[in-house]
Amino acid sequence: MNLVEQGAAFAAFWQERHLCTLSTARSGGPPHAVPVGATLDLETGVARVITSGTSYKARLIGADGALVALSQVDGRRWSTLEGRAVVRNEPEQVADAERRYTARYKPPRPNPARVVVEIQVTRVLGNV
């Protein structure tokens, strides 16, 4: 999905420094929503979240991937990205995600167990 078509306000909103929430589904239970830092590549439609490979969110997504929702809010402005997430642990993918995270937020703390949750966005909701 090419998210450039969402417009300049959408692009700016996903570049501003905001914390997000990542929601995953527990087996047979309620959603698991956690605060995360996220980046979005508008041209490829891929959102990325860095996390520890041992985190609950990474384990819920698992080797087969999972449907997730990534949201951010700022007052009355909000956006939710839905899509399929996969966990990537290749060093070049992790380094790329760390560079993107640094550009939006700040350098992440060192974490040798770091992985990347990559979300291929399939649906956009919100009012930006």
C-alpha atoms as a PDB file:
ATOM      1  CA  MET A   1       0.000   0.000   0.000  1.00  0.00           C
ATOM      2  CA  ASN A   2       1.417   3.381  -1.039  1.00  0.00           C
ATOM      3  CA  LEU A   3       0.656   5.684   1.882  1.00  0.00           C
ATOM      4  CA  VAL A   4       1.976   8.789   0.117  1.00  0.00           C
ATOM      5  CA  GLU A   5      -1.567   9.076  -1.278  1.00  0.00           C
ATOM      6  CA  GLN A   6      -2.835   9.768   2.257  1.00  0.00           C
ATOM      7  CA  GLY A   7      -1.489  13.321   1.919  1.00  0.00           C
ATOM      8  CA  ALA A   8       0.896  15.749   3.559  1.00  0.00           C
ATOM      9  CA  ALA A   9      -0.928  16.008   6.906  1.00  0.00           C
ATOM     10  CA  PHE A  10      -0.856  12.221   7.289  1.00  0.00           C
ATOM     11  CA  ALA A  11       2.852  12.097   6.410  1.00  0.00           C
ATOM     12  CA  ALA A  12       3.676  14.877   8.867  1.00  0.00           C
ATOM     13  CA  PHE A  13       1.680  13.230  11.642  1.00  0.00           C
ATOM     14  CA  TRP A  14       3.656   9.994  11.259  1.00  0.00           C
ATOM     15  CA  GLN A  15       6.960  11.906  11.338  1.00  0.00           C
ATOM     16  CA  GLU A  16       6.197  13.943  14.462  1.00  0.00           C
ATOM     17  CA  ARG A  17       7.443  12.540  17.751  1.00  0.00           C
ATOM     18  CA  HIS A  18       4.486  10.623  19.192  1.00  0.00           C
ATOM     19  CA  LEU A  19       4.331   7.414  21.149  1.00  0.00           C
ATOM     20  CA  CYS A  20       2.109   4.764  19.629  1.00  0.00           C
ATOM     21  CA  THR A  21       0.261   1.689  20.789  1.00  0.00           C
ATOM     22  CA  LEU A  22       0.654  -1.710  19.208  1.00  0.00           C
ATOM     23  CA  SER A  23      -2.317  -4.024  19.650  1.00  0.00           C
ATOM     24  CA  THR A  24      -1.977  -7.765  19.140  1.00  0.00           C
ATOM     25  CA  ALA A  25      -4.455 -10.541  19.824  1.00  0.00           C
ATOM     26  CA  ARG A  26      -4.059 -12.954  22.700  1.00  0.00           C
ATOM     27  CA  SER A  27      -5.157 -16.518  22.094  1.00  0.00           C
ATOM     28  CA  GLY A  28      -8.833 -16.642  23.018  1.00  0.00           C
ATOM     29  CA  GLY A  29      -8.615 -13.474  25.072  1.00  0.00           C
ATOM     30  CA  PRO A  30      -8.606  -9.714  25.046  1.00  0.00           C
ATOM     31  CA  PRO A  31      -6.235  -7.619  22.952  1.00  0.00           C
ATOM     32  CA  HIS A  32      -2.739  -6.895  24.210  1.00  0.00           C
ATOM     33  CA  ALA A  33      -1.984  -3.179  23.715  1.00  0.00           C
ATOM     34  CA  VAL A  34       1.411  -1.748  24.614  1.00  0.00           C
ATOM     35  CA  PRO A  35       3.148   1.619  24.138  1.00  0.00           C
ATOM     36  CA  VAL A  36       5.822   1.602  21.444  1.00  0.00           C
ATOM     37  CA  GLY A  37       7.873   3.882  19.264  1.00  0.00           C
ATOM     38  CA  ALA A  38       7.150   3.283  15.592  1.00  0.00           C
ATOM     39  CA  THR A  39       8.277   4.445  12.192  1.00  0.00           C
ATOM     40  CA  LEU A  40       6.430   4.427   8.904  1.00  0.00           C
ATOM     41  CA  ASP A  41       7.778   4.128   5.366  1.00  0.00           C
ATOM     42  CA  LEU A  42       5.087   5.821   3.308  1.00  0.00           C
ATOM     43  CA  GLU A  43       6.257   4.526  -0.063  1.00  0.00           C
ATOM     44  CA  THR A  44       6.379   0.843   0.868  1.00  0.00           C
ATOM     45  CA  GLY A  45       3.528   0.949   3.382  1.00  0.00           C
ATOM     46  CA  VAL A  46       5.661  -0.697   6.059  1.00  0.00           C
ATOM     47  CA  ALA A  47       5.582   0.354   9.720  1.00  0.00           C
ATOM     48  CA  ARG A  48       8.348  -0.795  12.044  1.00  0.00           C
ATOM     49  CA  VAL A  49       8.603  -1.291  15.806  1.00  0.00           C
ATOM     50  CA  ILE A  50      11.842  -2.293  17.501  1.00  0.00           C
ATOM     51  CA  THR A  51      11.577  -4.542  20.521  1.00  0.00           C
ATOM     52  CA  SER A  52      13.244  -7.400  22.328  1.00  0.00           C
ATOM     53  CA  GLY A  53      12.801 -10.807  20.765  1.00  0.00           C
ATOM     54  CA  THR A  54      11.652 -12.089  24.163  1.00  0.00           C
ATOM     55  CA  SER A  55       8.901  -9.460  24.543  1.00  0.00           C
ATOM     56  CA  TYR A  56       5.305 -10.616  24.828  1.00  0.00           C
ATOM     57  CA  LYS A  57       4.321  -8.679  21.705  1.00  0.00           C
ATOM     58  CA  ALA A  58       7.032 -10.415  19.649  1.00  0.00           C
ATOM     59  CA  ARG A  59       5.965 -13.794  21.024  1.00  0.00           C
ATOM     60  CA  LEU A  60       2.288 -13.109  20.241  1.00  0.00           C
ATOM     61  CA  ILE A  61       3.191 -12.284  16.630  1.00  0.00           C
ATOM     62  CA  GLY A  62       5.374 -15.372  16.487  1.00  0.00           C
ATOM     63  CA  ALA A  63       7.031 -17.043  13.535  1.00  0.00           C
ATOM     64  CA  ASP A  64       3.839 -17.133  11.471  1.00  0.00           C
ATOM     65  CA  GLY A  65       2.978 -13.449  11.851  1.00  0.00           C
ATOM     66  CA  ALA A  66      -0.279 -11.920  13.041  1.00  0.00           C
ATOM     67  CA  LEU A  67      -2.792  -9.209  12.344  1.00  0.00           C
ATOM     68  CA  VAL A  68      -2.105  -6.075  14.404  1.00  0.00           C
ATOM     69  CA  ALA A  69      -3.158  -2.455  14.828  1.00  0.00           C
ATOM     70  CA  LEU A  70      -0.683   0.400  15.335  1.00  0.00           C
ATOM     71  CA  SER A  71      -2.201   3.653  16.601  1.00  0.00           C
ATOM     72  CA  GLN A  72      -1.139   7.111  17.615  1.00  0.00           C
ATOM     73  CA  VAL A  73      -3.123  10.043  18.953  1.00  0.00           C
ATOM     74  CA  ASP A  74      -2.457  13.733  19.505  1.00  0.00           C
ATOM     75  CA  GLY A  75      -5.479  15.551  20.862  1.00  0.00           C
ATOM     76  CA  ARG A  76      -8.213  15.242  18.248  1.00  0.00           C
ATOM     77  CA  ARG A  77      -5.829  13.917  15.592  1.00  0.00           C
ATOM     78  CA  TRP A  78      -5.449  10.169  15.437  1.00  0.00           C
ATOM     79  CA  SER A  79      -4.417   7.427  13.058  1.00  0.00           C
ATOM     80  CA  THR A  80      -4.565   3.647  13.161  1.00  0.00           C
ATOM     81  CA  LEU A  81      -2.674   1.404  10.757  1.00  0.00           C
ATOM     82  CA  GLU A  82      -3.895  -2.156  10.431  1.00  0.00           C
ATOM     83  CA  GLY A  83      -1.939  -4.937   8.798  1.00  0.00           C
ATOM     84  CA  ARG A  84      -0.013  -8.162   9.024  1.00  0.00           C
ATOM     85  CA  ALA A  85       3.052  -8.126  11.260  1.00  0.00           C
ATOM     86  CA  VAL A  86       6.109 -10.349  11.087  1.00  0.00           C
ATOM     87  CA  VAL A  87       9.121 -10.485  13.365  1.00  0.00           C
ATOM     88  CA  ARG A  88      12.484  -9.954  11.636  1.00  0.00           C
ATOM     89  CA  ASN A  89      15.840 -10.637  13.290  1.00  0.00           C
ATOM     90  CA  GLU A  90      18.276 -10.204  10.384  1.00  0.00           C
ATOM     91  CA  PRO A  91      21.072  -7.802  11.451  1.00  0.00           C
ATOM     92  CA  GLU A  92      20.598  -5.547   8.416  1.00  0.00           C
ATOM     93  CA  GLN A  93      16.843  -5.278   9.064  1.00  0.00           C
ATOM     94  CA  VAL A  94      17.417  -4.494  12.737  1.00  0.00           C
ATOM     95  CA  ALA A  95      20.060  -1.849  11.892  1.00  0.00           C
ATOM     96  CA  ASP A  96      17.735  -0.224   9.351  1.00  0.00           C
ATOM     97  CA  ALA A  97      14.900  -0.085  11.891  1.00  0.00           C
ATOM     98  CA  GLU A  98      17.251   1.390  14.511  1.00  0.00           C
ATOM     99  CA  ARG A  99      18.282   4.150  12.056  1.00  0.00           C
ATOM    100  CA  ARG A 100      14.643   4.958  11.348  1.00  0.00           C
ATOM    101  CA  TYR A 101      13.812   4.967  15.069  1.00  0.00           C
ATOM    102  CA  THR A 102      16.764   7.289  15.778  1.00  0.00           C
ATOM    103  CA  ALA A 103      15.550   9.747  13.130  1.00  0.00           C
ATOM    104  CA  ARG A 104      12.058   9.960  14.660  1.00  0.00           C
ATOM    105  CA  TYR A 105      12.860   9.646  18.357  1.00  0.00           C
ATOM    106  CA  LYS A 106      16.432   9.219  19.663  1.00  0.00           C
ATOM    107  CA  PRO A 107      19.050   6.465  19.560  1.00  0.00           C
ATOM    108  CA  PRO A 108      17.618   3.325  21.180  1.00  0.00           C
ATOM    109  CA  ARG A 109      19.394   1.750  24.125  1.00  0.00           C
ATOM    110  CA  PRO A 110      21.632  -1.187  23.241  1.00  0.00           C
ATOM    111  CA  ASN A 111      19.791  -4.507  23.103  1.00  0.00           C
ATOM    112  CA  PRO A 112      21.524  -7.582  21.682  1.00  0.00           C
ATOM    113  CA  ALA A 113      18.162  -9.407  21.611  1.00  0.00           C
ATOM    114  CA  ARG A 114      16.513  -6.716  19.458  1.00  0.00           C
ATOM    115  CA  VAL A 115      14.156  -7.675  16.644  1.00  0.00           C
ATOM    116  CA  VAL A 116      11.921  -5.677  14.333  1.00  0.00           C
ATOM    117  CA  VAL A 117       8.181  -6.005  14.085  1.00  0.00           C
ATOM    118  CA  GLU A 118       7.422  -5.153  10.457  1.00  0.00           C
ATOM    119  CA  ILE A 119       3.825  -4.350   9.634  1.00  0.00           C
ATOM    120  CA  GLN A 120       2.624  -4.368   6.048  1.00  0.00           C
ATOM    121  CA  VAL A 121      -0.173  -1.820   6.246  1.00  0.00           C
ATOM    122  CA  THR A 122      -3.438  -2.893   4.611  1.00  0.00           C
ATOM    123  CA  ARG A 123      -5.867  -0.366   6.086  1.00  0.00           C
ATOM    124  CA  VAL A 124      -5.680   3.194   7.385  1.00  0.00           C
ATOM    125  CA  LEU A 125      -8.164   4.735   9.812  1.00  0.00           C
ATOM    126  CA  GLY A 126      -8.148   8.173  11.401  1.00  0.00           C
ATOM    127  CA  ASN A 127      -8.735  11.846  10.861  1.00  0.00           C
ATOM    128  CA  VAL A 128      -5.396  13.221   9.699  1.00  0.00           C
END
